[in-house]
Amino acid sequence: MNARSIRSEPPPEPSSAPPRVLTIAGSDSGGGAGIQADLKTMLALGVHGMSAIVAVTAQNSLGVHGVWDLPPEAVRAQIRAVVADIGVDAVKTGMLSSAALVSLVAAELSRLDVPVVVDPVSVSKHGDPLLSPEAVEVVRTELMPRATIATPNLDEVRLLTGVEVLDVADLPRAAEAMLALGPRWVLVKGGHLPGDAVDLLTDGTTEVVLRSPRLDRRHTHGTGCTLASAIAAHLAQGRGHVEAAQAAKAYVSGALASGFPLGAGIGPVDHGYRHRR
């Protein structure tokens, strides 16, 4: 039997790199939220995800069992290494944990001229605190003014502004209070209210209601991280603020509808649901 050599052609060079999005947040060892959810979202939406990890959590479907902050110099080095060599088209921030880390991240963001999506994470899905009390004022005064779009849930609105949202009619007042902290746009997430899942996006002039049917799902871990990352991905691709938020809401609604059980507690949304249809 004569052996034949088989020559393989090298793969073609890509014509260009995809848009680049940097997430600055904490790591979720369970893979449902945090850095892990951010990178999965970015991959699903066709952008190149990069990360600066600010804290490591020991976390599973039942809750957060420990949090360890990284030294500020380690966080700064991660951000600057990515920015200096690879470049960034948009940034998403999530859990920042301490006042020192919030202040450092805000300072690094001031060096960038790209869209910034700030998810002011303060409490985990299980009710575990993820933002120290002394960091709250730093979020208000240093981080929020850096935000292109801020994406607080109702608990975060109350923590940062004192405004209590009891029904959909309160969303404009909550958004006004958040805009006073300095972001260009705010997306107040009303998912904890009864009825349809209604969010309000506004810059103080334009108001857009994002509405989707309420899904009776237990497995919702990572929804906030996923939404903010999806907005950042769409902004990096050149979409406008309203279009980016609408597209992100549609993606999260699909991921939530496909959420699956893991462990004995709250499972994650399905970031890859579009690829498993």
Protein backbone atom coordinates (compact mmCIF):
# COMPACT_ATOMS: atom_id res chain seq x y z
CA MET A 1 0.00 0.00 0.00
CA ASN A 2 1.49 3.28 -1.07
CA ALA A 3 1.54 6.02 1.51
CA ARG A 4 0.43 9.39 0.28
CA SER A 5 1.42 12.66 1.90
CA ILE A 6 -1.40 15.03 2.62
CA ARG A 7 -0.62 18.70 2.55
CA SER A 8 -2.79 20.98 4.60
CA GLU A 9 -3.17 24.62 3.70
CA PRO A 10 -2.63 27.15 6.49
CA PRO A 11 -5.84 28.81 7.71
CA PRO A 12 -6.53 32.20 6.19
CA GLU A 13 -5.52 35.24 8.17
CA PRO A 14 -8.50 37.08 9.70
CA SER A 15 -9.28 40.31 7.90
CA SER A 16 -9.64 42.21 11.16
CA ALA A 17 -10.03 41.70 14.90
CA PRO A 18 -13.50 41.95 16.45
CA PRO A 19 -14.38 44.88 18.73
CA ARG A 20 -12.60 44.72 22.10
CA VAL A 21 -14.46 44.94 25.42
CA LEU A 22 -12.79 45.04 28.85
CA THR A 23 -14.66 43.85 31.91
CA ILE A 24 -13.44 45.05 35.31
CA ALA A 25 -15.16 42.95 37.95
CA GLY A 26 -14.96 40.06 40.38
CA SER A 27 -14.56 36.37 39.57
CA ASP A 28 -17.44 33.96 40.22
CA SER A 29 -16.03 30.47 40.80
CA GLY A 30 -19.44 28.99 39.98
CA GLY A 31 -19.29 30.49 36.48
CA GLY A 32 -22.75 32.08 36.46
CA ALA A 33 -21.99 35.75 37.11
CA GLY A 34 -19.06 38.13 37.35
CA ILE A 35 -16.10 37.93 34.99
CA GLN A 36 -17.20 34.51 33.77
CA ALA A 37 -20.66 35.69 32.75
CA ASP A 38 -19.18 38.79 31.14
CA LEU A 39 -16.77 36.86 28.93
CA LYS A 40 -19.43 34.33 27.91
CA THR A 41 -21.75 37.16 26.93
CA MET A 42 -19.07 38.91 24.92
CA LEU A 43 -18.18 35.71 23.06
CA ALA A 44 -21.85 35.04 22.28
CA LEU A 45 -22.27 38.56 20.88
CA GLY A 46 -19.19 38.51 18.69
CA VAL A 47 -16.71 40.74 20.51
CA HIS A 48 -13.32 39.99 22.05
CA GLY A 49 -13.63 39.97 25.83
CA MET A 50 -10.75 40.93 28.13
CA SER A 51 -10.68 41.09 31.92
CA ALA A 52 -9.22 42.88 34.90
CA ILE A 53 -10.14 40.85 37.98
CA VAL A 54 -10.59 42.95 41.13
CA ALA A 55 -11.64 40.22 43.54
CA VAL A 56 -11.93 36.45 43.78
CA THR A 57 -15.04 34.87 45.27
CA ALA A 58 -15.70 31.37 46.50
CA GLN A 59 -19.20 31.01 45.12
CA ASN A 60 -21.67 28.35 44.01
CA SER A 61 -25.38 28.01 43.38
CA LEU A 62 -26.10 28.42 47.10
CA GLY A 63 -24.28 31.68 47.71
CA VAL A 64 -21.01 33.52 48.23
CA HIS A 65 -18.76 31.78 50.74
CA GLY A 66 -15.80 34.15 50.65
CA VAL A 67 -14.44 37.27 48.96
CA TRP A 68 -10.77 38.22 48.58
CA ASP A 69 -9.83 41.57 47.02
CA LEU A 70 -6.78 41.81 44.81
CA PRO A 71 -4.20 44.50 45.61
CA PRO A 72 -4.97 47.78 43.82
CA GLU A 73 -1.63 47.67 42.01
CA ALA A 74 -2.57 44.28 40.52
CA VAL A 75 -5.85 45.68 39.21
CA ARG A 76 -4.14 48.75 37.78
CA ALA A 77 -1.52 46.58 36.07
CA GLN A 78 -4.18 44.41 34.42
CA ILE A 79 -6.06 47.40 33.05
CA ARG A 80 -2.97 49.18 31.76
CA ALA A 81 -1.50 46.04 30.19
CA VAL A 82 -4.66 45.51 28.13
CA VAL A 83 -5.13 49.15 27.19
CA ALA A 84 -1.51 49.77 26.22
CA ASP A 85 -1.10 46.79 23.91
CA ILE A 86 -4.49 45.50 22.76
CA GLY A 87 -6.71 48.54 23.06
CA VAL A 88 -10.30 48.85 24.21
CA ASP A 89 -13.53 49.79 22.41
CA ALA A 90 -15.81 49.66 25.49
CA VAL A 91 -15.58 48.89 29.21
CA LYS A 92 -17.97 47.21 31.60
CA THR A 93 -17.54 47.41 35.39
CA GLY A 94 -19.19 45.10 37.88
CA MET A 95 -18.36 44.13 41.46
CA LEU A 96 -15.61 46.46 42.73
CA SER A 97 -15.88 45.58 46.43
CA SER A 98 -13.84 48.21 48.31
CA ALA A 99 -13.52 51.98 48.32
CA ALA A 100 -9.88 51.76 47.24
CA LEU A 101 -10.73 49.59 44.24
CA VAL A 102 -13.66 51.77 43.17
CA SER A 103 -11.46 54.86 43.34
CA LEU A 104 -8.66 53.19 41.39
CA VAL A 105 -11.00 51.98 38.65
CA ALA A 106 -12.63 55.39 38.35
CA ALA A 107 -9.18 56.97 37.93
CA GLU A 108 -8.20 54.46 35.24
CA LEU A 109 -11.47 55.06 33.38
CA SER A 110 -10.70 58.79 33.29
CA ARG A 111 -7.73 57.92 31.03
CA LEU A 112 -9.99 56.29 28.42
CA ASP A 113 -12.25 57.79 25.76
CA VAL A 114 -14.61 54.85 25.18
CA PRO A 115 -18.14 53.94 26.30
CA VAL A 116 -18.30 52.72 29.90
CA VAL A 117 -21.18 50.62 31.26
CA VAL A 118 -21.30 50.69 35.06
CA ASP A 119 -23.21 47.94 36.84
CA PRO A 120 -23.05 49.14 40.48
CA VAL A 121 -23.10 45.66 42.01
CA SER A 122 -23.76 45.76 45.74
CA VAL A 123 -25.48 42.48 46.62
CA SER A 124 -25.36 39.00 45.08
CA LYS A 125 -28.40 37.12 43.79
CA HIS A 126 -28.41 35.28 47.13
CA GLY A 127 -28.35 38.47 49.21
CA ASP A 128 -24.64 38.42 50.05
CA PRO A 129 -23.03 41.91 50.29
CA LEU A 130 -20.48 42.61 47.55
CA LEU A 131 -19.79 46.31 48.15
CA SER A 132 -18.37 47.63 51.42
CA PRO A 133 -20.37 50.42 53.12
CA GLU A 134 -17.46 52.88 52.81
CA ALA A 135 -17.33 52.26 49.05
CA VAL A 136 -20.87 53.49 48.41
CA GLU A 137 -19.96 57.18 48.53
CA VAL A 138 -17.00 56.58 46.21
CA VAL A 139 -19.34 54.91 43.70
CA ARG A 140 -21.58 57.97 43.89
CA THR A 141 -18.91 60.63 43.55
CA GLU A 142 -16.10 59.03 41.51
CA LEU A 143 -17.46 56.11 39.48
CA MET A 144 -20.91 57.25 38.38
CA PRO A 145 -19.63 60.39 36.61
CA ARG A 146 -17.48 58.07 34.44
CA ALA A 147 -20.47 56.04 33.25
CA THR A 148 -21.86 56.26 29.74
CA ILE A 149 -24.71 54.02 30.89
CA ALA A 150 -25.36 52.95 34.49
CA THR A 151 -27.52 49.85 35.03
CA PRO A 152 -28.72 49.79 38.67
CA ASN A 153 -31.42 47.48 39.94
CA LEU A 154 -33.95 48.76 42.44
CA ASP A 155 -31.88 47.84 45.51
CA GLU A 156 -28.90 49.68 44.04
CA VAL A 157 -31.05 52.73 43.28
CA ARG A 158 -32.15 52.82 46.91
CA LEU A 159 -28.58 52.35 48.18
CA LEU A 160 -27.12 55.09 45.98
CA THR A 161 -29.95 57.66 46.00
CA GLY A 162 -32.39 56.76 48.78
CA VAL A 163 -35.25 56.55 46.27
CA GLU A 164 -37.65 53.66 46.92
CA VAL A 165 -39.31 52.20 43.83
CA LEU A 166 -42.63 50.52 44.58
CA ASP A 167 -44.14 50.35 41.11
CA VAL A 168 -43.44 51.24 37.49
CA ALA A 169 -44.67 54.79 38.05
CA ASP A 170 -41.65 55.38 40.33
CA LEU A 171 -39.06 54.50 37.67
CA PRO A 172 -38.74 58.06 36.21
CA ARG A 173 -38.06 59.48 39.68
CA ALA A 174 -35.45 56.79 40.31
CA ALA A 175 -33.79 57.49 36.96
CA GLU A 176 -33.71 61.24 37.66
CA ALA A 177 -31.99 60.63 41.00
CA MET A 178 -29.42 58.34 39.35
CA LEU A 179 -28.72 60.84 36.55
CA ALA A 180 -27.96 63.45 39.21
CA LEU A 181 -24.92 61.34 40.14
CA GLY A 182 -23.37 61.98 36.73
CA PRO A 183 -23.90 59.13 34.23
CA ARG A 184 -24.89 60.18 30.71
CA TRP A 185 -27.61 57.53 30.54
CA VAL A 186 -29.22 55.30 33.15
CA LEU A 187 -31.09 52.03 32.73
CA VAL A 188 -33.16 51.41 35.86
CA LYS A 189 -33.97 47.71 35.99
CA GLY A 190 -37.48 47.06 37.27
CA GLY A 191 -37.34 43.29 37.11
CA HIS A 192 -38.23 42.89 40.79
CA LEU A 193 -41.55 44.69 40.36
CA PRO A 194 -44.78 42.72 39.76
CA GLY A 195 -46.12 42.32 36.23
CA ASP A 196 -44.02 42.52 33.07
CA ALA A 197 -40.27 43.03 33.41
CA VAL A 198 -40.06 46.78 32.75
CA ASP A 199 -36.82 48.77 32.58
CA LEU A 200 -36.48 52.50 31.94
CA LEU A 201 -33.64 53.90 29.82
CA THR A 202 -33.16 57.66 29.81
CA ASP A 203 -30.63 60.46 29.48
CA GLY A 204 -32.99 62.98 31.04
CA THR A 205 -34.46 63.97 27.68
CA THR A 206 -35.21 60.74 25.86
CA GLU A 207 -37.12 58.03 27.71
CA VAL A 208 -37.38 54.48 26.38
CA VAL A 209 -39.33 51.74 28.14
CA LEU A 210 -37.90 48.25 27.69
CA ARG A 211 -40.61 45.70 28.40
CA SER A 212 -40.63 41.91 28.26
CA PRO A 213 -43.00 39.27 29.61
CA ARG A 214 -42.17 38.12 33.11
CA LEU A 215 -40.68 34.63 33.04
CA ASP A 216 -41.34 32.35 35.98
CA ARG A 217 -37.79 31.03 36.21
CA ARG A 218 -35.77 29.99 39.23
CA HIS A 219 -32.43 30.01 37.44
CA THR A 220 -31.57 33.69 37.11
CA HIS A 221 -27.97 33.91 38.35
CA GLY A 222 -25.96 36.43 36.35
CA THR A 223 -28.75 38.46 34.75
CA GLY A 224 -27.35 41.85 35.81
CA CYS A 225 -23.78 41.09 34.75
CA THR A 226 -25.05 39.68 31.46
CA LEU A 227 -27.18 42.72 30.65
CA ALA A 228 -24.40 45.23 31.32
CA SER A 229 -21.88 43.16 29.33
CA ALA A 230 -24.31 42.85 26.43
CA ILE A 231 -24.81 46.62 26.35
CA ALA A 232 -21.04 47.15 26.35
CA ALA A 233 -20.63 44.62 23.53
CA HIS A 234 -23.22 46.36 21.37
CA LEU A 235 -21.74 49.80 22.09
CA ALA A 236 -18.32 48.48 21.06
CA GLN A 237 -19.87 47.38 17.77
CA GLY A 238 -20.99 50.93 17.11
CA ARG A 239 -24.65 50.77 18.05
CA GLY A 240 -26.33 53.79 19.63
CA HIS A 241 -27.30 53.84 23.29
CA VAL A 242 -30.96 52.99 22.76
CA GLU A 243 -30.30 50.29 20.17
CA ALA A 244 -27.58 48.74 22.36
CA ALA A 245 -29.88 48.57 25.36
CA GLN A 246 -32.76 47.12 23.35
CA ALA A 247 -30.54 44.44 21.80
CA ALA A 248 -29.06 43.60 25.20
CA LYS A 249 -32.50 43.27 26.76
CA ALA A 250 -33.54 40.85 24.00
CA TYR A 251 -30.40 38.75 24.52
CA VAL A 252 -30.87 38.59 28.30
CA SER A 253 -34.53 37.67 27.95
CA GLY A 254 -33.54 34.70 25.79
CA ALA A 255 -30.74 33.67 28.15
CA LEU A 256 -33.12 33.89 31.11
CA ALA A 257 -35.75 31.81 29.34
CA SER A 258 -33.12 29.11 28.82
CA GLY A 259 -31.62 29.19 32.32
CA PHE A 260 -30.74 25.76 33.67
CA PRO A 261 -30.24 24.06 37.05
CA LEU A 262 -26.76 23.65 38.49
CA GLY A 263 -26.09 22.51 42.03
CA ALA A 264 -28.73 22.71 44.73
CA GLY A 265 -29.54 26.43 44.47
CA ILE A 266 -30.04 29.11 41.82
CA GLY A 267 -28.70 28.12 38.42
CA PRO A 268 -27.37 30.49 35.75
CA VAL A 269 -28.91 31.99 32.67
CA ASP A 270 -27.79 30.30 29.46
CA HIS A 271 -25.31 32.59 27.71
CA GLY A 272 -24.99 30.22 24.75
CA TYR A 273 -28.68 29.62 24.15
CA ARG A 274 -28.55 30.98 20.59
CA HIS A 275 -26.00 28.33 19.66
CA ARG A 276 -28.01 25.44 21.11
CA ARG A 277 -31.26 26.02 19.29
